[in-house]
N, C-alpha and C. Protein backbone atom coordinates (compact mmCIF):
# COMPACT_ATOMS: atom_id res chain seq x y z
N MET A 1 -13.65 -6.28 13.66
CA MET A 1 -13.52 -5.69 12.33
C MET A 1 -14.75 -4.87 11.95
N ASN A 2 -15.90 -5.14 12.59
CA ASN A 2 -17.09 -4.38 12.22
C ASN A 2 -18.01 -4.19 13.42
N PHE A 3 -19.01 -3.36 13.22
CA PHE A 3 -19.94 -3.04 14.29
C PHE A 3 -20.63 -4.28 14.83
N ASN A 4 -21.13 -5.13 13.95
CA ASN A 4 -21.89 -6.31 14.39
C ASN A 4 -21.07 -7.22 15.30
N GLN A 5 -19.83 -7.48 14.92
CA GLN A 5 -18.98 -8.33 15.76
C GLN A 5 -18.79 -7.71 17.14
N ALA A 6 -18.46 -6.44 17.17
CA ALA A 6 -18.21 -5.77 18.45
C ALA A 6 -19.47 -5.76 19.31
N TYR A 7 -20.60 -5.47 18.70
CA TYR A 7 -21.85 -5.41 19.44
C TYR A 7 -22.22 -6.77 20.03
N LEU A 8 -22.09 -7.81 19.24
CA LEU A 8 -22.43 -9.15 19.73
C LEU A 8 -21.52 -9.57 20.88
N PHE A 9 -20.23 -9.26 20.78
CA PHE A 9 -19.32 -9.61 21.87
C PHE A 9 -19.59 -8.77 23.11
N ALA A 10 -19.94 -7.51 22.91
CA ALA A 10 -20.30 -6.67 24.06
C ALA A 10 -21.55 -7.21 24.74
N LEU A 11 -22.54 -7.62 23.95
CA LEU A 11 -23.75 -8.22 24.53
C LEU A 11 -23.43 -9.50 25.30
N ALA A 12 -22.44 -10.24 24.82
CA ALA A 12 -22.05 -11.50 25.46
C ALA A 12 -21.23 -11.26 26.74
N GLY A 13 -20.91 -9.99 27.01
CA GLY A 13 -20.19 -9.67 28.24
C GLY A 13 -18.69 -9.53 28.10
N ALA A 14 -18.20 -9.38 26.87
CA ALA A 14 -16.76 -9.22 26.67
C ALA A 14 -16.25 -7.98 27.40
N THR A 15 -15.12 -8.12 28.05
CA THR A 15 -14.51 -6.98 28.72
C THR A 15 -14.02 -5.96 27.70
N TYR A 16 -13.47 -6.44 26.59
CA TYR A 16 -12.94 -5.58 25.55
C TYR A 16 -13.45 -6.02 24.18
N VAL A 17 -13.67 -5.04 23.31
CA VAL A 17 -13.87 -5.31 21.89
C VAL A 17 -12.78 -4.54 21.15
N SER A 18 -12.23 -5.14 20.13
CA SER A 18 -11.09 -4.56 19.44
C SER A 18 -11.46 -4.18 18.01
N VAL A 19 -11.07 -2.99 17.62
CA VAL A 19 -11.31 -2.49 16.27
C VAL A 19 -9.95 -2.31 15.60
N PHE A 20 -9.72 -3.01 14.51
CA PHE A 20 -8.44 -2.96 13.80
C PHE A 20 -8.47 -1.84 12.77
N MET A 21 -8.07 -0.66 13.20
CA MET A 21 -8.20 0.54 12.38
C MET A 21 -7.50 0.43 11.03
N GLY A 22 -6.26 -0.01 11.03
CA GLY A 22 -5.51 -0.10 9.78
C GLY A 22 -6.14 -1.05 8.79
N ARG A 23 -6.57 -2.19 9.26
CA ARG A 23 -7.21 -3.16 8.37
C ARG A 23 -8.53 -2.64 7.82
N ILE A 24 -9.28 -1.96 8.67
CA ILE A 24 -10.56 -1.40 8.23
C ILE A 24 -10.32 -0.33 7.16
N LYS A 25 -9.32 0.51 7.38
CA LYS A 25 -8.97 1.52 6.36
C LYS A 25 -8.56 0.84 5.05
N ASP A 26 -7.80 -0.25 5.15
CA ASP A 26 -7.36 -0.98 3.96
C ASP A 26 -8.55 -1.49 3.14
N MET A 27 -9.64 -1.80 3.82
CA MET A 27 -10.84 -2.30 3.14
C MET A 27 -11.70 -1.16 2.60
N GLY A 28 -11.30 0.09 2.87
CA GLY A 28 -12.00 1.23 2.33
C GLY A 28 -13.10 1.81 3.20
N TYR A 29 -13.10 1.43 4.48
CA TYR A 29 -14.12 1.92 5.40
C TYR A 29 -13.51 2.90 6.40
N ASP A 30 -14.36 3.66 7.07
CA ASP A 30 -13.92 4.63 8.06
C ASP A 30 -13.96 3.99 9.45
N PRO A 31 -12.81 3.67 10.04
CA PRO A 31 -12.81 3.03 11.35
C PRO A 31 -13.36 3.92 12.45
N CYS A 32 -13.22 5.24 12.30
CA CYS A 32 -13.73 6.15 13.33
C CYS A 32 -15.25 6.12 13.40
N GLU A 33 -15.89 5.98 12.27
CA GLU A 33 -17.34 5.86 12.26
C GLU A 33 -17.78 4.58 12.96
N ILE A 34 -17.04 3.50 12.73
CA ILE A 34 -17.35 2.23 13.38
C ILE A 34 -17.15 2.34 14.88
N ILE A 35 -16.03 2.93 15.30
CA ILE A 35 -15.77 3.10 16.74
C ILE A 35 -16.86 3.95 17.36
N ASN A 36 -17.22 5.03 16.71
CA ASN A 36 -18.26 5.92 17.24
C ASN A 36 -19.59 5.18 17.39
N ASN A 37 -19.96 4.39 16.40
CA ASN A 37 -21.22 3.64 16.47
C ASN A 37 -21.18 2.61 17.60
N ILE A 38 -20.04 1.96 17.77
CA ILE A 38 -19.89 0.98 18.86
C ILE A 38 -20.01 1.70 20.21
N ARG A 39 -19.33 2.83 20.34
CA ARG A 39 -19.39 3.61 21.58
C ARG A 39 -20.82 3.99 21.90
N GLU A 40 -21.57 4.45 20.90
CA GLU A 40 -22.97 4.85 21.13
C GLU A 40 -23.81 3.69 21.64
N ILE A 41 -23.69 2.52 21.03
CA ILE A 41 -24.53 1.39 21.44
C ILE A 41 -24.12 0.87 22.81
N ILE A 42 -22.82 0.87 23.10
CA ILE A 42 -22.35 0.45 24.42
C ILE A 42 -22.91 1.39 25.49
N ASP A 43 -22.84 2.68 25.22
CA ASP A 43 -23.35 3.66 26.18
C ASP A 43 -24.87 3.58 26.30
N ASN A 44 -25.57 3.51 25.17
CA ASN A 44 -27.03 3.49 25.18
C ASN A 44 -27.60 2.26 25.88
N GLU A 45 -26.91 1.13 25.75
CA GLU A 45 -27.41 -0.11 26.35
C GLU A 45 -26.72 -0.42 27.68
N ASN A 46 -25.92 0.54 28.16
CA ASN A 46 -25.25 0.41 29.45
C ASN A 46 -24.43 -0.89 29.55
N LEU A 47 -23.70 -1.19 28.47
CA LEU A 47 -22.82 -2.36 28.46
C LEU A 47 -21.47 -1.97 29.04
N SER A 48 -20.74 -2.93 29.55
CA SER A 48 -19.49 -2.61 30.24
C SER A 48 -18.24 -2.76 29.38
N SER A 49 -18.37 -3.22 28.15
CA SER A 49 -17.20 -3.44 27.29
C SER A 49 -16.45 -2.15 27.01
N LYS A 50 -15.16 -2.27 26.92
CA LYS A 50 -14.29 -1.16 26.54
C LYS A 50 -13.82 -1.40 25.10
N ILE A 51 -13.56 -0.31 24.38
CA ILE A 51 -13.14 -0.40 22.99
C ILE A 51 -11.63 -0.22 22.90
N ILE A 52 -10.97 -1.21 22.30
CA ILE A 52 -9.54 -1.13 22.04
C ILE A 52 -9.35 -0.82 20.56
N ALA A 53 -8.56 0.17 20.24
CA ALA A 53 -8.22 0.46 18.86
C ALA A 53 -6.88 -0.20 18.56
N GLY A 54 -6.88 -1.13 17.63
CA GLY A 54 -5.67 -1.84 17.25
C GLY A 54 -5.25 -1.47 15.84
N SER A 55 -4.16 -2.03 15.41
CA SER A 55 -3.62 -1.79 14.07
C SER A 55 -3.41 -0.30 13.82
N ILE A 56 -2.88 0.37 14.85
CA ILE A 56 -2.57 1.80 14.76
C ILE A 56 -1.29 1.93 13.93
N ARG A 57 -1.37 2.66 12.85
CA ARG A 57 -0.21 2.78 11.95
C ARG A 57 0.43 4.16 11.97
N HIS A 58 -0.32 5.15 12.41
CA HIS A 58 0.17 6.53 12.42
C HIS A 58 -0.25 7.19 13.72
N PRO A 59 0.51 8.16 14.21
CA PRO A 59 0.11 8.85 15.43
C PRO A 59 -1.30 9.42 15.37
N GLN A 60 -1.69 9.93 14.21
CA GLN A 60 -3.03 10.50 14.08
C GLN A 60 -4.12 9.45 14.28
N ASP A 61 -3.82 8.17 13.96
CA ASP A 61 -4.80 7.10 14.18
C ASP A 61 -5.17 7.01 15.66
N ALA A 62 -4.18 7.16 16.53
CA ALA A 62 -4.46 7.09 17.98
C ALA A 62 -5.35 8.24 18.41
N THR A 63 -5.07 9.43 17.94
CA THR A 63 -5.90 10.59 18.25
C THR A 63 -7.32 10.40 17.73
N ASP A 64 -7.43 9.95 16.50
CA ASP A 64 -8.75 9.74 15.90
C ASP A 64 -9.54 8.70 16.66
N ALA A 65 -8.88 7.63 17.09
CA ALA A 65 -9.56 6.57 17.85
C ALA A 65 -10.09 7.10 19.17
N ILE A 66 -9.28 7.86 19.87
CA ILE A 66 -9.71 8.42 21.16
C ILE A 66 -10.90 9.37 20.97
N LEU A 67 -10.82 10.22 19.96
CA LEU A 67 -11.90 11.17 19.70
C LEU A 67 -13.19 10.48 19.26
N ALA A 68 -13.05 9.29 18.65
CA ALA A 68 -14.21 8.54 18.20
C ALA A 68 -14.85 7.75 19.35
N GLY A 69 -14.11 7.56 20.47
CA GLY A 69 -14.70 6.90 21.61
C GLY A 69 -13.98 5.67 22.12
N ALA A 70 -12.83 5.35 21.56
CA ALA A 70 -12.05 4.21 22.05
C ALA A 70 -11.37 4.58 23.36
N GLN A 71 -11.16 3.57 24.19
CA GLN A 71 -10.44 3.81 25.44
C GLN A 71 -8.95 3.69 25.20
């Protein structure tokens, strides 16, 4: 649901971290910014976790997630 959770799980060696885009939008935050920040830290620290974008509600959500750095 947030950067801290994803980062901690990536540090712990998680194969995947999941970002629930629809739920994050419902809370009033930008999920693409969160995905982008997670992608940057995973790349910068050479972690192996992949980002899954979940709670996709609209076709544009999938495009936005991919452009933000989700696999």
